[in-house]
Amino acid sequence: MIKIMKYGDVLPEEIFSRSMQSGDVSEIVTDIINDVRKNGDSALFKYCEKFDKAKLDSLIVTKKEIEEALEKTDKKFIEVLKKAAANIKKFHERQVRNSFIINDDNGIIMGQKIIPIDRAGLYVPGGTAAYPSTVLMDSIPAKIAGCSEVVIVTPPNSEGKINQAILAAAHIAGVDRIFKVGGAQAIAALAYGTETIPKVDKIVGPGNAFVAEAKKQVYGTVSIDMIAGPSEILIVADENSNPKYIAADLLSQAEHDKMASAVLVTTSFKLAEQVSKEIELQIKQLERFDIARASIDNNGKIIVAENIYSAIDIANEIAPEHLELCLDNPFDYLDSIKHAGSVFLGRYCPEALGDYLAGPNHTLPTSGTAKFSSPLSVDDFVKKTQYTYYTRDALEQVADSVGYFAEKEGLTAHAKSARIRTEDSKQ
């Protein structure tokens, strides 16, 4: 049963359970990465057979396989995927940055170019944790950014097939190529390239402890989006909130993972008790009962705060991945929110909207990292290059200042490189 406590009886850092997945897998992952770097495709085939029980002839998902997946996928689901893709595209198109140029006095020109990364690699979990929503959320921003190629790696089932919903979503999102490989070995393949799988510039997407560790180890060779922890939700609600809605939203995160954290901060002890009872009624109806049960019992909490502003202070201190403001006038409080991955406003905006359909990205900072990082966006798939141009006259006006500054740092060659271009004009 979920714990109910008064704020002050628990420290902010104790409200969310934020320990990463247990077990040190770093050595295992290092061995897998080194094997893939050395042996390429042969190592990938070996690991597919070992971990996925799939004996493959090819790592490539063919056009025929994608067409068959589209034919077999429920037509209503195809329409929902298209609607979600349109909403995601509409939101992320507003994130596109423009290059700029500054024409200053004396012929000085400065500017910044926005350049898409060449190739993005998306990791998509398979099996029981197959998330076509992640395909849309991770690939559409990359496409909008202008990446030359977007590729997916995802583990096959024992028959060597990829989840058809993943293939359908990838087709709708415009993914260029899909490969049948998962786990740490897939991350290694994206980072270093093999005979079949191209080396990418950035790897994004969720995964288990092995995937997370592999992303950590290859960072620097390639860029990554983030190291994601277990899913988390914090709901701020007052006495007018419907306990059935609150309980359902808490359970929507609890069913993700036994390590997930679902927390309610409320001003009403009566609501706290009602939500606790409602959780017990609703949890019995869940297909993922065992997962949700463990999450609620071990990590679930209801905190009773003095007032809404105190509740918001708690939210800012915790910096949750998902934050719901279940209040009558939520926009009155939006400016007070400083740290959250994604905010859901009002009584009719469940976090599930953000997971699937609304448009804002669902790849979010976890484990308190919302204090300094952001949701996945078009920005993740571009880089910035700056440039400067000076005429001779413009340089002559500042060369001595540049040289003086450089000498203060003890870098006389820097000073010389600025002054040497103007010395002959002074003779």
Protein backbone atom coordinates (compact mmCIF):
# COMPACT_ATOMS: atom_id res chain seq x y z
CA MET A 1 0.00 0.00 0.00
CA ILE A 2 1.17 3.52 -0.78
CA LYS A 3 2.69 5.45 2.13
CA ILE A 4 1.02 8.63 3.42
CA MET A 5 3.20 11.08 5.33
CA LYS A 6 3.37 14.73 6.26
CA TYR A 7 6.00 16.84 4.57
CA GLY A 8 8.76 17.35 7.08
CA ASP A 9 8.67 13.71 8.09
CA VAL A 10 10.54 12.85 4.91
CA LEU A 11 13.51 14.58 3.30
CA PRO A 12 13.17 15.80 -0.31
CA GLU A 13 15.87 13.41 -1.50
CA GLU A 14 13.92 10.52 0.04
CA ILE A 15 10.63 11.26 -1.73
CA PHE A 16 11.69 9.65 -5.01
CA SER A 17 13.55 6.35 -5.19
CA ARG A 18 16.35 7.20 -7.57
CA SER A 19 18.80 4.36 -7.35
CA MET A 20 19.72 3.09 -10.79
CA GLN A 21 19.06 -0.50 -11.76
CA SER A 22 20.91 -2.87 -9.51
CA GLY A 23 23.95 -4.87 -10.44
CA ASP A 24 27.28 -3.78 -11.88
CA VAL A 25 27.21 -4.61 -15.56
CA SER A 26 30.12 -2.42 -16.64
CA GLU A 27 32.63 -5.22 -17.19
CA ILE A 28 30.16 -7.33 -19.18
CA VAL A 29 29.30 -4.34 -21.34
CA THR A 30 32.97 -3.48 -21.90
CA ASP A 31 33.62 -7.02 -23.14
CA ILE A 32 30.63 -6.86 -25.51
CA ILE A 33 31.70 -3.49 -26.91
CA ASN A 34 35.26 -4.68 -27.50
CA ASP A 35 33.98 -7.83 -29.19
CA VAL A 36 31.77 -5.85 -31.58
CA ARG A 37 34.60 -3.41 -32.36
CA LYS A 38 36.89 -6.30 -33.21
CA ASN A 39 34.54 -8.76 -34.90
CA GLY A 40 31.74 -6.63 -36.30
CA ASP A 41 28.73 -8.43 -37.73
CA SER A 42 29.89 -11.87 -36.60
CA ALA A 43 29.74 -10.70 -32.99
CA LEU A 44 26.25 -9.29 -33.55
CA PHE A 45 24.99 -12.57 -35.01
CA LYS A 46 26.49 -14.40 -32.06
CA TYR A 47 24.79 -12.17 -29.49
CA CYS A 48 21.44 -12.31 -31.31
CA GLU A 49 21.54 -16.08 -31.05
CA LYS A 50 22.70 -15.99 -27.42
CA PHE A 51 20.39 -13.32 -26.00
CA ASP A 52 17.43 -13.21 -28.40
CA LYS A 53 17.48 -16.91 -29.36
CA ALA A 54 17.37 -15.81 -33.00
CA LYS A 55 19.61 -17.34 -35.68
CA LEU A 56 19.71 -14.65 -38.35
CA ASP A 57 20.89 -14.68 -41.95
CA SER A 58 20.80 -10.88 -42.15
CA LEU A 59 20.66 -7.98 -39.71
CA ILE A 60 18.72 -5.82 -42.16
CA VAL A 61 14.96 -5.32 -41.99
CA THR A 62 13.78 -5.58 -45.59
CA LYS A 63 11.23 -3.46 -47.40
CA LYS A 64 9.04 -6.57 -47.69
CA GLU A 65 9.08 -7.04 -43.91
CA ILE A 66 7.96 -3.44 -43.42
CA GLU A 67 5.17 -3.84 -45.98
CA GLU A 68 3.97 -7.02 -44.29
CA ALA A 69 3.97 -5.28 -40.90
CA LEU A 70 1.86 -2.44 -42.30
CA GLU A 71 -0.63 -4.92 -43.74
CA LYS A 72 -0.95 -6.83 -40.46
CA THR A 73 -1.15 -3.80 -38.17
CA ASP A 74 -4.63 -2.81 -37.11
CA LYS A 75 -5.87 0.02 -39.35
CA LYS A 76 -7.19 2.01 -36.42
CA PHE A 77 -3.75 1.86 -34.83
CA ILE A 78 -2.17 3.07 -38.08
CA GLU A 79 -4.48 6.09 -38.01
CA VAL A 80 -3.62 6.77 -34.36
CA LEU A 81 0.10 6.56 -35.19
CA LYS A 82 -0.39 9.05 -38.03
CA LYS A 83 -2.31 11.42 -35.77
CA ALA A 84 0.39 11.21 -33.09
CA ALA A 85 3.11 11.75 -35.71
CA ALA A 86 1.34 14.86 -37.00
CA ASN A 87 1.08 16.32 -33.49
CA ILE A 88 4.73 15.54 -32.72
CA LYS A 89 5.79 17.12 -36.02
CA LYS A 90 3.67 20.24 -35.39
CA PHE A 91 5.22 20.76 -31.95
CA HIS A 92 8.82 20.08 -32.91
CA GLU A 93 8.79 22.18 -36.07
CA ARG A 94 8.52 25.21 -33.78
CA GLN A 95 11.87 24.26 -32.24
CA VAL A 96 13.86 24.74 -35.44
CA ARG A 97 16.68 27.25 -34.97
CA ASN A 98 17.89 29.62 -37.65
CA SER A 99 21.45 30.55 -38.51
CA PHE A 100 22.34 34.21 -38.00
CA ILE A 101 24.84 36.74 -39.30
CA ILE A 102 26.03 40.04 -37.77
CA ASN A 103 27.49 42.72 -40.06
CA ASP A 104 29.40 45.00 -37.72
CA ASP A 105 31.32 48.21 -38.38
CA ASN A 106 34.63 48.22 -40.31
CA GLY A 107 33.79 45.14 -42.35
CA ILE A 108 33.57 42.76 -39.37
CA ILE A 109 31.27 39.78 -39.99
CA MET A 110 30.27 37.24 -37.37
CA GLY A 111 27.74 34.47 -37.55
CA GLN A 112 26.49 31.09 -36.48
CA LYS A 113 25.46 28.20 -38.70
CA ILE A 114 22.95 25.57 -37.59
CA ILE A 115 24.02 22.25 -39.09
CA PRO A 116 22.21 18.91 -38.65
CA ILE A 117 24.26 15.93 -37.56
CA ASP A 118 24.85 13.52 -40.43
CA ARG A 119 23.43 10.32 -38.96
CA ALA A 120 21.29 9.59 -35.90
CA GLY A 121 20.91 6.15 -34.33
CA LEU A 122 17.78 5.25 -32.38
CA TYR A 123 17.67 2.39 -29.91
CA VAL A 124 14.16 0.93 -29.60
CA PRO A 125 13.46 -1.80 -27.02
CA GLY A 126 11.67 -4.90 -28.33
CA GLY A 127 9.72 -7.81 -26.88
CA THR A 128 7.29 -7.01 -24.06
CA ALA A 129 8.75 -3.49 -23.77
CA ALA A 130 8.14 -2.54 -27.41
CA TYR A 131 7.32 1.15 -27.63
CA PRO A 132 6.28 2.45 -31.08
CA SER A 133 5.66 5.79 -29.36
CA THR A 134 9.40 6.07 -28.77
CA VAL A 135 10.03 5.50 -32.47
CA LEU A 136 7.91 8.57 -33.27
CA MET A 137 9.27 10.71 -30.44
CA ASP A 138 12.93 10.04 -31.25
CA SER A 139 12.91 9.93 -35.05
CA ILE A 140 10.61 12.81 -36.00
CA PRO A 141 12.77 15.52 -34.33
CA ALA A 142 15.83 14.04 -36.08
CA LYS A 143 14.06 14.22 -39.42
CA ILE A 144 12.91 17.80 -38.78
CA ALA A 145 16.48 18.74 -37.85
CA GLY A 146 17.59 17.56 -41.29
CA CYS A 147 19.72 14.52 -40.43
CA SER A 148 20.91 12.85 -43.62
CA GLU A 149 20.03 9.42 -42.24
CA VAL A 150 18.05 8.09 -39.29
CA VAL A 151 18.55 4.42 -38.41
CA ILE A 152 16.96 2.16 -35.81
CA VAL A 153 18.39 -0.80 -33.93
CA THR A 154 15.90 -3.04 -32.15
CA PRO A 155 16.08 -6.66 -30.95
CA PRO A 156 14.28 -9.42 -32.89
CA ASN A 157 12.12 -12.14 -31.36
CA SER A 158 13.20 -15.79 -31.42
CA GLU A 159 11.85 -16.09 -34.98
CA GLY A 160 14.07 -13.25 -36.13
CA LYS A 161 11.17 -10.82 -36.58
CA ILE A 162 10.72 -7.25 -35.36
CA ASN A 163 7.61 -6.10 -33.53
CA GLN A 164 5.21 -5.02 -36.29
CA ALA A 165 4.06 -1.90 -34.41
CA ILE A 166 7.67 -0.69 -34.30
CA LEU A 167 8.02 -1.22 -38.04
CA ALA A 168 4.75 0.58 -38.73
CA ALA A 169 5.78 3.56 -36.59
CA ALA A 170 9.21 3.67 -38.24
CA HIS A 171 7.62 3.76 -41.68
CA ILE A 172 5.26 6.59 -40.70
CA ALA A 173 8.14 8.56 -39.14
CA GLY A 174 10.29 8.20 -42.24
CA VAL A 175 13.12 6.16 -40.68
CA ASP A 176 15.71 5.27 -43.33
CA ARG A 177 17.03 1.89 -42.17
CA ILE A 178 16.23 -0.65 -39.45
CA PHE A 179 18.53 -3.35 -38.07
CA LYS A 180 17.78 -6.48 -36.05
CA VAL A 181 20.02 -6.14 -33.04
CA GLY A 182 19.51 -5.09 -29.44
CA GLY A 183 21.34 -4.76 -26.16
CA ALA A 184 24.80 -3.36 -25.52
CA GLN A 185 25.96 -4.90 -28.79
CA ALA A 186 23.55 -2.66 -30.73
CA ILE A 187 24.95 0.44 -29.03
CA ALA A 188 28.48 -0.69 -29.86
CA ALA A 189 27.51 -1.23 -33.49
CA LEU A 190 26.07 2.28 -33.75
CA ALA A 191 29.08 3.82 -32.04
CA TYR A 192 31.80 2.10 -34.07
CA GLY A 193 30.07 0.69 -37.14
CA THR A 194 30.19 -2.84 -38.56
CA GLU A 195 30.08 -4.31 -42.04
CA THR A 196 26.30 -3.80 -42.09
CA ILE A 197 25.45 -1.15 -39.52
CA PRO A 198 26.79 2.36 -40.15
CA LYS A 199 28.55 4.43 -37.53
CA VAL A 200 26.30 7.22 -36.25
CA ASP A 201 26.99 10.59 -34.68
CA LYS A 202 24.39 10.43 -31.93
CA ILE A 203 22.55 7.62 -30.14
CA VAL A 204 19.18 8.22 -28.50
CA GLY A 205 16.51 6.02 -26.95
CA PRO A 206 15.75 4.07 -23.76
CA GLY A 207 16.94 0.62 -22.76
CA ASN A 208 17.81 -1.68 -19.89
CA ALA A 209 20.84 -1.47 -17.61
CA PHE A 210 23.11 -2.95 -20.29
CA VAL A 211 21.98 -0.43 -22.90
CA ALA A 212 22.35 2.46 -20.45
CA GLU A 213 25.85 1.35 -19.49
CA ALA A 214 26.85 0.90 -23.12
CA LYS A 215 25.66 4.42 -23.95
CA LYS A 216 27.71 5.71 -21.04
CA GLN A 217 30.83 3.87 -22.24
CA VAL A 218 30.64 4.99 -25.88
CA TYR A 219 29.91 8.62 -25.02
CA GLY A 220 32.71 10.72 -26.43
CA THR A 221 33.06 8.50 -29.47
CA VAL A 222 29.47 9.48 -30.24
CA SER A 223 27.00 11.79 -28.55
CA ILE A 224 24.07 10.40 -26.56
CA ASP A 225 20.79 11.87 -25.38
CA MET A 226 20.92 10.98 -21.68
CA ILE A 227 21.34 8.16 -19.17
CA ALA A 228 17.74 7.60 -18.15
CA GLY A 229 16.72 6.34 -14.74
CA PRO A 230 13.41 4.71 -13.78
CA SER A 231 10.21 6.52 -14.75
CA GLU A 232 8.74 8.98 -12.25
CA ILE A 233 5.69 11.16 -11.78
CA LEU A 234 4.85 13.82 -9.21
CA ILE A 235 1.27 15.09 -8.97
CA VAL A 236 0.35 18.31 -7.18
CA ALA A 237 -3.35 18.24 -6.30
CA ASP A 238 -5.76 20.09 -4.04
CA GLU A 239 -8.87 19.02 -2.12
CA ASN A 240 -11.09 19.45 -5.21
CA SER A 241 -9.27 16.77 -7.18
CA ASN A 242 -10.93 13.52 -8.20
CA PRO A 243 -9.17 10.66 -6.37
CA LYS A 244 -9.98 8.24 -9.21
CA TYR A 245 -8.08 10.42 -11.71
CA ILE A 246 -5.11 10.83 -9.39
CA ALA A 247 -4.87 7.12 -8.63
CA ALA A 248 -5.05 6.23 -12.31
CA ASP A 249 -2.25 8.68 -13.15
CA LEU A 250 -0.01 7.37 -10.38
CA LEU A 251 -0.54 3.80 -11.56
CA SER A 252 0.21 4.79 -15.16
CA GLN A 253 3.81 5.30 -14.12
CA ALA A 254 3.97 2.51 -11.56
CA GLU A 255 3.22 -0.08 -14.25
CA HIS A 256 6.34 0.93 -16.20
CA ASP A 257 8.91 -0.56 -13.88
CA LYS A 258 9.27 -1.95 -10.37
CA MET A 259 11.79 0.85 -9.81
CA ALA A 260 9.38 3.58 -10.99
CA SER A 261 8.29 6.26 -8.52
CA ALA A 262 4.74 7.60 -8.27
CA VAL A 263 4.25 10.46 -5.81
CA LEU A 264 1.30 12.68 -4.91
CA VAL A 265 1.80 15.97 -3.07
CA THR A 266 -1.51 17.31 -1.82
CA THR A 267 -2.89 19.89 0.58
CA SER A 268 -5.68 17.53 1.67
CA PHE A 269 -5.28 14.59 4.04
CA LYS A 270 -8.78 13.49 3.03
CA LEU A 271 -7.73 13.31 -0.63
CA ALA A 272 -4.62 11.39 0.39
CA GLU A 273 -6.72 8.70 2.04
CA GLN A 274 -9.16 8.58 -0.87
CA VAL A 275 -6.35 8.17 -3.41
CA SER A 276 -4.76 5.42 -1.35
CA LYS A 277 -8.02 3.47 -1.32
CA GLU A 278 -8.61 4.07 -5.02
CA ILE A 279 -5.14 2.79 -5.89
CA GLU A 280 -5.97 -0.48 -4.16
CA LEU A 281 -9.15 -0.81 -6.21
CA GLN A 282 -7.60 0.04 -9.55
CA ILE A 283 -4.32 -1.83 -9.21
CA LYS A 284 -6.13 -5.18 -9.17
CA GLN A 285 -7.36 -4.52 -12.71
CA LEU A 286 -3.92 -4.02 -14.24
CA GLU A 287 -2.28 -6.53 -16.58
CA ARG A 288 1.08 -5.49 -15.13
CA PHE A 289 -0.16 -5.90 -11.57
CA ASP A 290 3.07 -7.37 -10.16
CA ILE A 291 5.18 -4.51 -11.53
CA ALA A 292 2.77 -1.80 -10.35
CA ARG A 293 2.40 -3.47 -6.95
CA ALA A 294 6.14 -3.45 -6.35
CA SER A 295 6.48 0.15 -7.51
CA ILE A 296 3.64 1.44 -5.32
CA ASP A 297 4.68 -0.54 -2.23
CA ASN A 298 8.38 0.28 -2.44
CA ASN A 299 8.51 3.71 -4.04
CA GLY A 300 5.00 5.18 -3.97
CA LYS A 301 4.30 8.07 -1.58
CA ILE A 302 1.62 10.61 -0.74
CA ILE A 303 2.96 13.76 0.88
CA VAL A 304 0.61 16.15 2.68
CA ALA A 305 1.85 19.74 2.34
CA GLU A 306 0.68 22.93 4.05
CA ASN A 307 -0.43 24.70 0.85
CA ILE A 308 -0.05 24.65 -2.94
CA TYR A 309 3.03 26.87 -2.91
CA SER A 310 4.72 24.52 -0.48
CA ALA A 311 3.79 21.64 -2.78
CA ILE A 312 5.34 23.46 -5.74
CA ASP A 313 8.50 24.09 -3.72
CA ILE A 314 8.70 20.34 -3.19
CA ALA A 315 8.25 19.74 -6.90
CA ASN A 316 11.04 22.18 -7.77
CA GLU A 317 13.36 20.56 -5.26
CA ILE A 318 12.70 17.09 -6.69
CA ALA A 319 12.72 18.13 -10.39
CA PRO A 320 10.50 15.26 -11.55
CA GLU A 321 10.42 13.72 -15.00
CA HIS A 322 6.62 14.20 -15.21
CA LEU A 323 4.78 16.86 -13.20
CA GLU A 324 0.99 17.14 -13.10
CA LEU A 325 -0.68 20.25 -11.71
CA CYS A 326 -4.20 18.98 -10.99
CA LEU A 327 -5.59 22.38 -10.07
CA ASP A 328 -8.42 24.62 -11.25
CA ASN A 329 -6.21 27.43 -12.54
CA PRO A 330 -2.94 25.68 -13.38
CA PHE A 331 -1.54 28.51 -15.52
CA ASP A 332 -1.48 30.68 -12.38
CA TYR A 333 1.28 28.39 -11.09
CA LEU A 334 3.17 27.59 -14.29
CA ASP A 335 5.71 30.40 -13.87
CA SER A 336 6.53 29.02 -10.41
CA ILE A 337 7.69 25.72 -11.91
CA LYS A 338 11.45 25.87 -12.40
CA HIS A 339 12.48 22.24 -12.60
CA ALA A 340 10.45 19.55 -14.41
CA GLY A 341 10.85 17.49 -17.53
CA SER A 342 7.29 17.96 -18.78
CA VAL A 343 4.35 19.67 -17.07
CA PHE A 344 0.72 18.59 -17.49
CA LEU A 345 -1.77 21.30 -16.62
CA GLY A 346 -5.28 20.95 -15.24
CA ARG A 347 -7.59 18.16 -14.21
CA TYR A 348 -8.05 16.73 -17.69
CA CYS A 349 -4.45 16.36 -18.83
CA PRO A 350 -3.11 12.94 -17.79
CA GLU A 351 0.56 12.24 -18.35
CA ALA A 352 -0.44 9.51 -20.83
CA LEU A 353 -1.33 12.28 -23.29
CA GLY A 354 2.33 13.20 -23.37
CA ASP A 355 3.43 9.61 -23.80
CA TYR A 356 1.44 9.09 -26.95
CA LEU A 357 -0.47 11.84 -28.66
CA ALA A 358 -0.18 15.45 -27.52
CA GLY A 359 3.05 16.33 -29.36
CA PRO A 360 5.67 17.42 -26.79
CA ASN A 361 8.44 14.86 -26.46
CA HIS A 362 8.23 12.00 -23.97
CA THR A 363 11.98 11.39 -23.80
CA LEU A 364 12.59 13.35 -20.63
CA PRO A 365 15.28 13.98 -18.00
CA THR A 366 14.93 11.73 -14.96
CA SER A 367 16.57 11.38 -11.56
CA GLY A 368 16.55 15.11 -10.84
CA THR A 369 18.46 16.00 -14.00
CA ALA A 370 15.59 18.29 -15.05
CA LYS A 371 17.45 20.88 -12.94
CA PHE A 372 20.01 21.18 -15.73
CA SER A 373 18.79 19.28 -18.80
CA SER A 374 15.85 19.25 -21.16
CA PRO A 375 13.47 16.96 -23.06
CA LEU A 376 14.67 15.48 -26.33
CA SER A 377 14.18 18.03 -29.11
CA VAL A 378 15.30 19.14 -32.55
CA ASP A 379 18.26 20.77 -30.77
CA ASP A 380 19.60 17.29 -29.99
CA PHE A 381 20.13 16.62 -33.67
CA VAL A 382 21.88 19.80 -34.72
CA LYS A 383 25.20 21.38 -33.95
CA LYS A 384 26.34 24.97 -34.18
CA THR A 385 29.38 26.29 -36.03
CA GLN A 386 30.41 29.92 -35.61
CA TYR A 387 32.49 32.03 -37.94
CA THR A 388 34.32 35.37 -37.90
CA TYR A 389 35.67 37.67 -40.62
CA TYR A 390 37.83 40.80 -40.11
CA THR A 391 39.23 43.18 -42.70
CA ARG A 392 42.80 44.44 -42.36
CA ASP A 393 41.59 47.79 -41.10
CA ALA A 394 39.36 46.13 -38.50
CA LEU A 395 42.24 43.97 -37.25
CA GLU A 396 44.58 46.97 -37.00
CA GLN A 397 42.17 48.62 -34.58
CA VAL A 398 42.18 45.68 -32.15
CA ALA A 399 45.48 43.86 -32.73
CA ASP A 400 47.21 45.53 -29.80
CA SER A 401 44.31 44.71 -27.48
CA VAL A 402 44.39 41.07 -28.57
CA GLY A 403 48.15 40.94 -28.08
CA TYR A 404 47.96 42.61 -24.67
CA PHE A 405 45.27 40.14 -23.53
CA ALA A 406 47.30 37.16 -24.80
CA GLU A 407 50.45 38.35 -23.01
CA LYS A 408 48.51 38.58 -19.76
CA GLU A 409 47.89 34.86 -20.14
CA GLY A 410 51.54 34.21 -20.99
CA LEU A 411 50.76 33.21 -24.58
CA THR A 412 53.21 35.29 -26.60
CA ALA A 413 52.67 33.34 -29.84
CA HIS A 414 48.99 34.27 -29.67
CA ALA A 415 49.99 37.90 -29.30
CA LYS A 416 52.42 37.68 -32.21
CA SER A 417 49.80 36.12 -34.52
CA ALA A 418 47.57 39.18 -34.07
CA ARG A 419 50.29 41.85 -34.26
CA ILE A 420 52.35 40.42 -37.12
CA ARG A 421 49.60 41.19 -39.62
CA THR A 422 49.71 44.90 -38.82
CA GLU A 423 53.40 45.52 -38.13
CA ASP A 424 54.39 46.22 -41.73
CA SER A 425 51.79 49.00 -42.04
CA LYS A 426 53.36 50.80 -39.08
CA GLN A 427 56.86 50.86 -40.56
